[in-house]
Protein backbone atom coordinates (compact mmCIF):
# COMPACT_ATOMS: atom_id res chain seq x y z
CA MET A 1 -6.46 -32.68 -6.87
CA ARG A 2 -3.32 -33.97 -5.22
CA LEU A 3 -5.08 -33.73 -1.83
CA ILE A 4 -8.10 -35.81 -3.04
CA VAL A 5 -5.64 -38.61 -4.42
CA ALA A 6 -3.69 -38.57 -1.05
CA VAL A 7 -7.04 -38.98 0.96
CA PHE A 8 -7.97 -41.80 -1.48
CA HIS A 9 -4.59 -43.44 -0.79
CA LEU A 10 -5.04 -43.27 3.01
CA LEU A 11 -8.48 -44.78 2.83
CA ALA A 12 -7.33 -47.69 0.62
CA LEU A 13 -4.34 -48.22 2.85
CA GLY A 14 -6.56 -48.21 5.92
CA ILE A 15 -8.78 -50.91 4.29
CA VAL A 16 -5.79 -53.07 3.57
CA LEU A 17 -4.61 -52.74 7.20
CA ALA A 18 -8.04 -53.43 8.65
CA GLY A 19 -8.18 -56.58 6.53
CA ALA A 20 -4.77 -57.71 7.69
CA VAL A 21 -5.73 -57.22 11.33
CA VAL A 22 -8.97 -59.19 10.82
CA PHE A 23 -7.02 -61.93 8.96
CA LEU A 24 -4.17 -62.12 11.54
CA SER A 25 -5.88 -61.61 14.76
CA PRO A 26 -7.32 -65.30 15.13
CA ILE A 27 -3.83 -66.57 14.34
CA ILE A 28 -2.19 -64.23 16.91
CA ALA A 29 -4.88 -65.07 19.60
CA ASN A 30 -4.90 -68.98 19.14
CA HIS A 31 -1.47 -69.31 17.85
CA HIS A 32 -2.73 -71.45 14.93
CA PHE A 33 -4.62 -71.03 11.66
CA PRO A 34 -8.41 -71.00 12.02
CA ASP A 35 -10.63 -73.88 10.51
CA TRP A 36 -11.30 -72.61 7.01
CA SER A 37 -13.69 -75.53 6.48
CA ASP A 38 -16.24 -73.69 8.65
CA GLY A 39 -18.76 -72.06 6.43
CA SER A 40 -18.90 -68.68 8.22
CA THR A 41 -15.10 -68.65 8.36
CA PHE A 42 -15.03 -69.37 4.72
CA SER A 43 -17.52 -66.65 3.80
CA GLY A 44 -15.53 -64.16 5.92
CA ARG A 45 -12.40 -65.29 4.17
CA VAL A 46 -14.02 -64.49 0.73
CA ILE A 47 -15.23 -61.19 1.99
CA LEU A 48 -11.80 -60.39 3.39
CA GLY A 49 -10.05 -61.38 0.22
CA ALA A 50 -12.41 -59.38 -2.03
CA THR A 51 -11.90 -56.38 0.27
CA ILE A 52 -8.13 -56.68 0.13
CA ILE A 53 -8.08 -57.08 -3.70
CA THR A 54 -10.43 -54.06 -4.07
CA ALA A 55 -8.11 -52.04 -1.74
CA PHE A 56 -5.06 -53.07 -3.68
CA ALA A 57 -6.82 -52.20 -7.03
CA ALA A 58 -7.89 -48.83 -5.66
CA LEU A 59 -4.21 -48.29 -4.55
CA PHE A 60 -2.90 -49.22 -7.99
CA PHE A 61 -5.24 -47.15 -10.08
CA SER A 62 -5.05 -44.22 -7.70
CA TYR A 63 -1.23 -44.33 -7.95
CA LYS A 64 -1.42 -44.62 -11.72
CA PHE A 65 -3.84 -41.55 -11.77
CA PHE A 66 -1.52 -39.66 -9.50
CA VAL A 67 1.50 -40.35 -11.72
CA GLN A 68 -0.31 -39.31 -14.87
CA HIS A 69 -1.64 -36.22 -13.28
CA ALA A 70 1.92 -35.33 -12.14
CA LEU A 71 3.35 -36.01 -15.64
CA LEU A 72 0.56 -33.94 -17.36
CA SER A 73 1.20 -31.07 -14.77
CA GLN A 74 4.94 -31.29 -15.55
CA ARG A 75 4.23 -31.17 -19.20
CA GLN A 76 2.03 -28.05 -18.83
CA THR A 77 4.71 -26.45 -16.65
CA ASN A 78 7.37 -27.14 -19.31
CA LYS A 79 5.05 -25.82 -22.04
CA GLN A 80 4.51 -22.65 -20.21
CA LEU A 81 8.20 -22.10 -19.56
CA VAL A 82 8.73 -22.43 -23.31
CA LEU A 83 5.99 -19.88 -24.01
CA ASP A 84 7.33 -17.66 -21.43
CA SER A 85 10.76 -17.76 -23.08
CA ILE A 86 9.43 -16.31 -26.32
CA SER A 87 10.64 -12.70 -26.76
CA GLU A 88 7.04 -11.67 -27.96
CA ALA A 89 3.65 -11.86 -26.47
CA PHE A 90 1.84 -14.90 -27.47
CA ILE A 91 -1.99 -15.61 -27.55
CA ILE A 92 -4.08 -18.40 -28.96
CA VAL A 93 -7.71 -17.56 -29.56
CA ASP A 94 -10.10 -20.51 -30.02
CA PRO A 95 -13.10 -20.43 -32.52
CA ASP A 96 -15.38 -19.12 -29.78
CA GLY A 97 -13.16 -16.09 -29.25
CA LYS A 98 -11.82 -17.29 -25.90
CA ILE A 99 -8.11 -17.33 -24.99
CA ALA A 100 -6.79 -20.80 -25.02
CA LEU A 101 -3.10 -20.18 -24.27
CA THR A 102 -1.02 -17.14 -23.57
CA ASN A 103 2.35 -16.15 -21.98
CA ARG A 104 3.97 -13.82 -19.49
CA LEU A 105 4.70 -11.04 -21.89
CA ALA A 106 1.17 -10.99 -23.05
CA GLN A 107 -0.02 -10.51 -19.43
CA GLU A 108 2.44 -7.81 -19.01
CA ILE A 109 1.70 -5.75 -22.08
CA PHE A 110 -2.22 -5.93 -21.45
CA MET A 111 -1.83 -5.89 -17.58
CA TRP A 112 -3.87 -8.98 -16.87
CA SER A 113 -4.25 -9.59 -13.23
CA GLY A 114 -2.62 -12.79 -11.93
CA ALA A 115 -5.61 -13.27 -9.68
CA ILE A 116 -7.97 -13.76 -12.78
CA PRO A 117 -6.46 -16.15 -15.22
CA PRO A 118 -7.12 -14.95 -18.89
CA ILE A 119 -7.70 -18.54 -20.08
CA ASN A 120 -11.26 -19.41 -21.31
CA ARG A 121 -12.17 -15.58 -21.19
CA ASP A 122 -13.32 -13.71 -24.24
CA PHE A 123 -10.25 -11.86 -25.73
CA ARG A 124 -12.29 -8.73 -26.43
CA ASN A 125 -12.77 -8.21 -22.70
CA LEU A 126 -8.98 -8.50 -22.18
CA VAL A 127 -7.20 -6.75 -25.02
CA GLY A 128 -9.76 -3.82 -25.27
CA ASN A 129 -11.78 -2.53 -28.08
CA GLY A 130 -8.93 -0.77 -29.97
CA ALA A 131 -6.67 -1.63 -32.89
CA VAL A 132 -5.33 -5.00 -31.32
CA GLU A 133 -8.93 -6.24 -31.00
CA ALA A 134 -9.64 -5.34 -34.69
CA VAL A 135 -6.55 -7.18 -35.92
CA ILE A 136 -7.48 -10.41 -33.95
CA SER A 137 -11.24 -10.07 -35.13
CA ASP A 138 -10.13 -9.88 -38.83
CA ALA A 139 -8.24 -13.13 -38.50
CA LEU A 140 -11.00 -15.01 -36.39
CA LEU A 141 -14.01 -13.83 -38.41
CA ARG A 142 -12.80 -13.04 -41.91
CA SER A 143 -9.43 -14.98 -42.19
CA ILE A 144 -7.61 -11.80 -42.83
CA THR A 145 -4.10 -12.17 -41.37
CA THR A 146 -1.26 -9.75 -40.94
CA ALA A 147 2.54 -10.21 -41.18
CA GLY A 148 3.30 -7.42 -38.87
CA LYS A 149 0.94 -4.42 -38.42
CA LEU A 150 1.96 -1.54 -36.27
CA VAL A 151 -0.86 -0.47 -34.04
CA GLU A 152 -1.21 2.00 -31.05
CA HIS A 153 -2.45 0.76 -27.79
CA LYS A 154 -3.14 2.45 -24.52
CA SER A 155 -2.21 0.21 -21.60
CA GLY A 156 -4.09 -0.06 -18.28
CA ASN A 157 -1.91 2.58 -16.59
CA GLY A 158 -2.49 5.22 -19.36
CA HIS A 159 0.88 4.73 -21.33
CA ASP A 160 0.74 4.78 -25.08
CA LEU A 161 2.33 1.64 -26.69
CA LEU A 162 3.38 0.97 -30.16
CA LEU A 163 2.73 -2.68 -30.89
CA ARG A 164 3.71 -4.95 -33.91
CA VAL A 165 0.88 -7.51 -34.31
CA ARG A 166 1.12 -10.74 -36.49
CA THR A 167 -1.69 -13.04 -36.79
CA PHE A 168 -1.88 -16.61 -38.28
CA ILE A 169 -4.65 -19.35 -38.58
CA PHE A 170 -4.09 -22.86 -37.36
CA GLY A 171 -5.22 -25.58 -39.73
CA GLN A 172 -5.41 -25.88 -43.53
CA ASN A 173 -9.17 -25.44 -43.98
CA ARG A 174 -9.62 -21.78 -43.61
CA ARG A 175 -13.36 -22.12 -43.85
CA SER A 176 -13.80 -24.34 -40.84
CA PRO A 177 -13.94 -22.79 -37.28
CA ARG A 178 -10.75 -20.93 -36.87
CA THR A 179 -8.10 -20.99 -34.09
CA VAL A 180 -5.92 -17.87 -34.35
CA GLY A 181 -2.45 -17.39 -33.11
CA VAL A 182 -1.23 -13.92 -32.27
CA LEU A 183 2.38 -12.61 -31.80
CA ILE A 184 2.80 -9.15 -30.38
CA ALA A 185 6.06 -7.34 -30.17
CA ASP A 186 6.27 -4.09 -28.12
CA GLN A 187 8.06 -1.58 -30.33
CA THR A 188 7.56 1.54 -28.07
CA GLU A 189 11.20 1.77 -26.98
CA ALA A 190 12.71 0.88 -30.32
CA HIS A 191 10.49 3.53 -31.95
CA ARG A 192 11.57 6.22 -29.35
CA ILE A 193 15.15 5.30 -30.02
CA GLN A 194 14.84 5.46 -33.75
CA ARG A 195 12.87 8.74 -33.58
CA ASP A 196 15.50 10.32 -31.19
CA THR A 197 18.32 9.09 -33.46
CA VAL A 198 16.74 10.81 -36.53
CA ARG A 199 16.35 14.04 -34.56
CA THR A 200 19.97 13.88 -33.45
CA GLU A 201 21.07 13.24 -37.06
CA ARG A 202 19.06 16.17 -38.35
CA ILE A 203 20.81 18.35 -35.90
CA ALA A 204 24.18 17.11 -37.00
CA ALA A 205 23.20 17.53 -40.63
CA LEU A 206 22.13 21.05 -39.96
CA GLY A 207 25.33 21.76 -38.21
CA ARG A 208 27.30 20.71 -41.20
CA LEU A 209 25.14 22.84 -43.35
CA GLY A 210 25.45 25.77 -40.93
CA SER A 211 29.23 25.53 -41.16
CA THR A 212 29.19 26.24 -44.87
CA ILE A 213 26.56 29.05 -44.63
CA ALA A 214 28.34 30.67 -41.75
CA HIS A 215 31.70 30.62 -43.61
CA GLU A 216 30.16 31.82 -47.07
CA ILE A 217 27.73 34.53 -45.74
CA LYS A 218 29.04 35.86 -42.34
CA SER A 219 32.02 37.66 -43.77
CA PRO A 220 30.08 39.62 -46.53
CA LEU A 221 27.32 40.26 -43.92
CA THR A 222 29.79 41.80 -41.52
CA ALA A 223 31.21 43.97 -44.19
CA ILE A 224 27.73 45.16 -45.13
CA GLN A 225 26.95 46.05 -41.56
CA GLN A 226 30.11 47.97 -41.15
CA HIS A 227 29.56 50.00 -44.40
CA MET A 228 25.91 50.72 -43.38
CA GLN A 229 27.24 52.25 -40.11
CA LEU A 230 29.79 54.27 -42.19
CA THR A 231 27.14 55.45 -44.52
CA ARG A 232 24.91 56.52 -41.62
CA GLU A 233 27.81 58.54 -40.12
CA LYS A 234 28.52 60.27 -43.45
CA LEU A 235 24.88 61.09 -44.21
CA ILE A 236 24.45 62.79 -40.88
CA ASN A 237 27.34 65.15 -41.71
CA LEU A 238 26.16 65.62 -45.50
CA LEU A 239 22.41 66.08 -45.06
CA PRO A 240 20.31 68.52 -43.15
CA ASP A 241 18.60 67.15 -40.11
CA ALA A 242 15.18 67.14 -41.71
CA ARG A 243 16.32 65.28 -44.78
CA PHE A 244 18.44 62.73 -42.74
CA ALA A 245 15.28 62.02 -40.52
CA GLN A 246 13.51 61.14 -43.72
CA ILE A 247 15.89 58.33 -44.60
CA SER A 248 16.86 57.43 -41.14
CA GLY A 249 13.91 55.06 -40.86
CA ASN A 250 14.90 53.21 -44.04
CA LEU A 251 18.42 52.81 -42.63
CA ASP A 252 17.08 51.52 -39.42
CA THR A 253 14.96 48.86 -41.26
CA VAL A 254 17.94 47.84 -43.17
CA ALA A 255 19.98 47.59 -40.04
CA SER A 256 17.30 45.54 -38.24
CA GLU A 257 17.00 43.01 -41.02
CA LEU A 258 20.80 42.63 -41.20
CA ASN A 259 20.81 41.97 -37.40
CA ARG A 260 17.98 39.48 -37.77
CA LEU A 261 19.94 37.63 -40.53
CA ASN A 262 23.00 37.68 -38.32
CA GLU A 263 20.90 36.02 -35.48
CA TYR A 264 20.00 33.20 -37.88
CA LEU A 265 23.69 32.81 -38.79
CA GLU A 266 24.58 32.76 -35.10
CA THR A 267 22.17 29.87 -34.69
CA PHE A 268 23.67 27.92 -37.49
CA THR A 269 27.09 28.71 -35.93
CA ARG A 270 26.05 27.33 -32.62
CA LEU A 271 24.80 24.13 -34.36
CA SER A 272 27.91 23.83 -36.36
CA GLY A 273 30.56 25.15 -34.10
CA ARG A 274 30.60 22.31 -31.43
CA LYS A 275 33.29 21.63 -29.10
CA PRO A 276 34.24 18.37 -27.38
CA LEU A 277 32.37 17.83 -24.13
CA GLU A 278 34.26 18.97 -21.12
CA LEU A 279 33.46 16.20 -18.67
CA GLN A 280 34.16 16.75 -15.15
CA TRP A 281 32.83 15.54 -11.70
CA ILE A 282 30.35 17.97 -10.27
CA SER A 283 27.69 18.35 -7.67
CA LEU A 284 24.33 18.36 -9.57
CA GLU A 285 22.83 20.02 -6.49
CA ASN A 286 25.24 22.98 -6.93
CA LEU A 287 24.65 23.15 -10.70
CA ILE A 288 20.90 23.22 -10.05
CA GLY A 289 21.52 25.99 -7.62
CA GLU A 290 23.20 28.08 -10.27
CA VAL A 291 20.42 27.43 -12.69
CA LEU A 292 17.72 28.54 -10.08
CA GLY A 293 19.89 31.76 -9.58
CA LEU A 294 19.46 32.48 -13.28
CA VAL A 295 15.77 31.72 -13.59
CA ARG A 296 14.45 33.19 -10.28
CA PRO A 297 14.25 36.72 -11.32
CA GLN A 298 12.18 35.86 -14.27
CA ALA A 299 10.03 33.64 -12.13
CA ALA A 300 9.50 36.59 -9.64
CA THR A 301 8.53 38.90 -12.51
CA LEU A 302 5.95 36.19 -13.62
CA LYS A 303 4.79 35.51 -10.15
CA ILE A 304 5.68 31.88 -10.66
CA ARG A 305 6.50 29.73 -7.52
CA ILE A 306 9.40 27.30 -7.70
CA ASP A 307 9.28 24.22 -5.49
CA VAL A 308 12.61 22.28 -5.17
CA LYS A 309 13.00 18.87 -3.75
CA ILE A 310 16.54 17.50 -3.84
CA ALA A 311 17.27 14.11 -2.27
CA PRO A 312 20.04 14.20 0.48
CA ALA A 313 23.45 12.86 0.00
CA LEU A 314 23.55 12.87 -3.83
CA PRO A 315 26.59 11.54 -5.48
CA GLN A 316 28.63 13.48 -7.90
CA ILE A 317 27.89 13.09 -11.53
CA ARG A 318 30.43 13.18 -14.47
CA CYS A 319 29.05 15.43 -17.24
CA ASP A 320 29.64 18.76 -19.09
CA PRO A 321 28.24 21.26 -16.59
CA GLY A 322 27.67 24.10 -19.31
CA ALA A 323 25.78 21.70 -21.49
CA ILE A 324 23.71 20.33 -18.73
CA LYS A 325 22.84 23.71 -17.33
CA GLN A 326 21.73 24.77 -20.96
CA VAL A 327 19.37 21.72 -20.84
CA PHE A 328 17.76 22.73 -17.66
CA ILE A 329 17.44 26.38 -18.75
CA ASN A 330 15.81 25.53 -21.96
CA ILE A 331 13.20 23.19 -20.30
CA ILE A 332 12.46 25.79 -17.56
CA ASN A 333 12.01 28.56 -20.06
CA ASN A 334 9.60 26.50 -22.01
CA ALA A 335 7.67 25.86 -18.80
CA PHE A 336 7.59 29.64 -17.94
CA ALA A 337 6.14 30.27 -21.43
CA ALA A 338 3.38 27.79 -20.90
CA MET A 339 2.27 29.29 -17.54
CA SER A 340 0.30 32.37 -16.77
CA GLU A 341 0.88 34.43 -13.72
CA SER A 342 0.82 32.69 -10.33
CA GLY A 343 1.88 29.46 -11.79
CA SER A 344 4.00 26.81 -10.10
CA LEU A 345 7.18 24.99 -11.28
CA SER A 346 8.44 21.94 -9.47
CA LEU A 347 11.97 20.51 -9.67
CA ALA A 348 13.00 17.21 -8.10
CA VAL A 349 16.31 15.29 -8.11
CA GLU A 350 16.99 11.80 -6.78
CA HIS A 351 19.54 9.13 -7.28
CA ARG A 352 18.34 5.80 -8.71
CA LEU A 353 20.75 2.87 -7.70
CA PRO A 354 19.42 0.38 -10.34
CA GLY A 355 21.54 1.56 -13.31
CA ASP A 356 23.17 4.26 -11.26
CA ARG A 357 21.35 7.12 -12.72
CA MET A 358 20.32 10.63 -11.64
CA ILE A 359 16.67 11.42 -12.20
CA ILE A 360 15.61 14.93 -12.72
CA VAL A 361 11.88 15.82 -12.96
CA ILE A 362 10.67 19.27 -13.97
CA GLY A 363 6.97 19.89 -13.90
CA ASP A 364 4.68 22.82 -14.44
CA ASN A 365 0.91 23.55 -14.12
CA GLY A 366 0.66 25.41 -17.37
CA SER A 367 -1.53 25.08 -20.38
CA GLY A 368 -0.12 21.60 -21.39
CA ILE A 369 0.64 20.24 -24.79
CA PRO A 370 -1.85 18.86 -27.22
CA ALA A 371 -1.52 15.14 -27.80
CA GLU A 372 -1.20 15.62 -31.54
CA THR A 373 1.93 17.81 -31.07
CA LEU A 374 3.57 16.06 -28.09
CA ASP A 375 5.64 13.79 -30.38
CA LYS A 376 6.83 16.79 -32.40
CA ILE A 377 8.25 18.94 -29.51
CA PHE A 378 11.83 17.75 -30.08
CA ASP A 379 11.75 18.16 -33.84
CA LEU A 380 14.15 20.80 -35.05
CA TYR A 381 12.26 24.08 -35.77
CA PHE A 382 8.97 22.93 -34.49
CA THR A 383 7.37 25.54 -32.24
CA THR A 384 4.03 26.79 -31.10
CA LYS A 385 5.41 30.09 -29.78
CA LYS A 386 5.02 33.20 -31.98
CA LYS A 387 8.53 34.18 -31.32
CA GLY A 388 10.03 30.83 -30.84
CA THR A 389 12.82 29.29 -32.94
CA GLY A 390 12.01 25.55 -32.39
CA ILE A 391 15.74 24.95 -31.45
CA GLY A 392 15.79 24.87 -27.54
CA LEU A 393 14.17 21.44 -26.95
CA SER A 394 16.05 20.01 -29.97
CA VAL A 395 19.37 21.05 -28.45
CA ALA A 396 18.45 19.77 -25.00
CA LEU A 397 17.60 16.31 -26.51
CA ASP A 398 20.91 16.25 -28.35
CA ILE A 399 22.94 17.07 -25.22
CA VAL A 400 21.25 14.60 -23.10
CA HIS A 401 21.70 11.85 -25.71
CA ARG A 402 25.37 12.61 -25.99
CA HIS A 403 25.55 12.11 -22.14
CA HIS A 404 23.91 8.60 -22.72
CA GLY A 405 20.76 9.87 -21.00
CA THR A 406 16.97 10.05 -21.82
CA ILE A 407 14.32 12.59 -21.85
CA ASP A 408 10.59 11.68 -21.36
CA VAL A 409 7.70 14.09 -21.51
CA LYS A 410 4.22 13.59 -20.09
CA SER A 411 1.61 16.31 -20.63
CA GLU A 412 -2.17 16.85 -20.24
CA LEU A 413 -3.84 19.69 -21.76
CA GLY A 414 -4.98 22.21 -19.44
CA LYS A 415 -3.17 20.61 -16.46
CA GLY A 416 0.51 20.87 -17.13
CA THR A 417 3.75 19.11 -18.32
CA THR A 418 6.33 16.96 -16.71
CA VAL A 419 9.73 16.40 -18.14
CA ARG A 420 11.77 13.51 -16.78
CA ILE A 421 15.55 13.41 -17.53
CA GLU A 422 17.81 10.54 -16.71
CA LEU A 423 21.50 10.85 -16.68
CA PRO A 424 24.17 8.15 -15.83
CA ILE A 425 26.44 8.97 -13.00
CA ILE A 426 29.63 7.96 -14.73
CA GLY A 427 30.21 9.06 -18.33
CA THR A 428 33.67 7.68 -18.89
CA TRP A 429 32.66 5.63 -21.89
CA LEU A 430 31.82 8.74 -23.81
CA LYS A 431 34.18 9.39 -26.70
CA GLU A 432 35.21 12.86 -25.69
CA SER A 433 36.96 13.49 -28.93
CA HIS A 434 33.91 12.93 -30.83
CA SER A 435 31.25 14.24 -28.47
CA ASN A 436 30.27 17.90 -29.10
CA VAL A 437 28.08 20.36 -27.24
CA ILE A 438 26.06 23.22 -28.73
């Protein structure tokens, strides 16, 4: 548009200059004004004057149009800047179901390509046919608005998002063609933080309970085990071998159940008997070497290949090495349990400068985790293994969180699972006197 206006300006200016040349050329050539009483000269003067007036009018109106266009463009730019500053995705849908206005966050959430603007396109083709589309359709077609409905949405790159959608209708007459406004807030990260906080609080609450149980039960349980052993030794001397053999099985059962009860108490003790984090600067590469030394024999037995990729020149990390080692072992043991013989485990480590964090990715090609249970794997006591306790991953999550890190798990049924751990390089802000490790 600006190019057209500029060309129009040049043409009008050319006409004015041409008229000026025609008007001034006889004066310059004859050194006096021409005889305007001559009819042909007068007609030429009229034509020239009309041409100049037209050219000036063209210049004036084209300049006015150019200014108005520039002001309108500036208003639109300012309006878009205001919309882009909103902390939520914003969409306006006209009565025909086409997007009339939107902002940057909406384009990021729904991954709209910048090459194809979403304006004047049907919203159903842009937000998908899921829960978001249903909420907008309710407002557009049935005047059913929502003050903040949580819906699940799968983004274009396959990530599952949790969105809070609010809709409102413009205008007072709700029976007339409706224009719908939509505000969408991405609650995915907030939900994850809240969920992980609840999990951590459950572990802490169980730890307090475990402290009481361990104190009240462990002492009498130890006494019972000791007296059971003494009773066994006395019965060996008092009873004939045949008679002792008859009751030995019963004694073994009692001893086995006492040991099992003691194992549960030991679990409670581990959860309650936390000690302050022993933070120190270590080489994560060396720590992973120690972990691999512990798990390679089991991997060899199961015929599982371990592929390790560690970036060169990794900086040291400040952490509790014993606790972080436990995190890696717990995750690797779960990976081994999910794989059959001849499986493959991958472990990669890199340093990410934005945020100064260490990235550890552990992947397997095992059975994978069903989508309906993926959100539960860090819940305390949740397990799908016959002999599992449901504690290992909960403990791993708790340790990573107390190091101000994160754990993210991606899994596909039948293809395997990938666990991504992020740990900050420097943990000096950790309150060591209040941070514990299991």
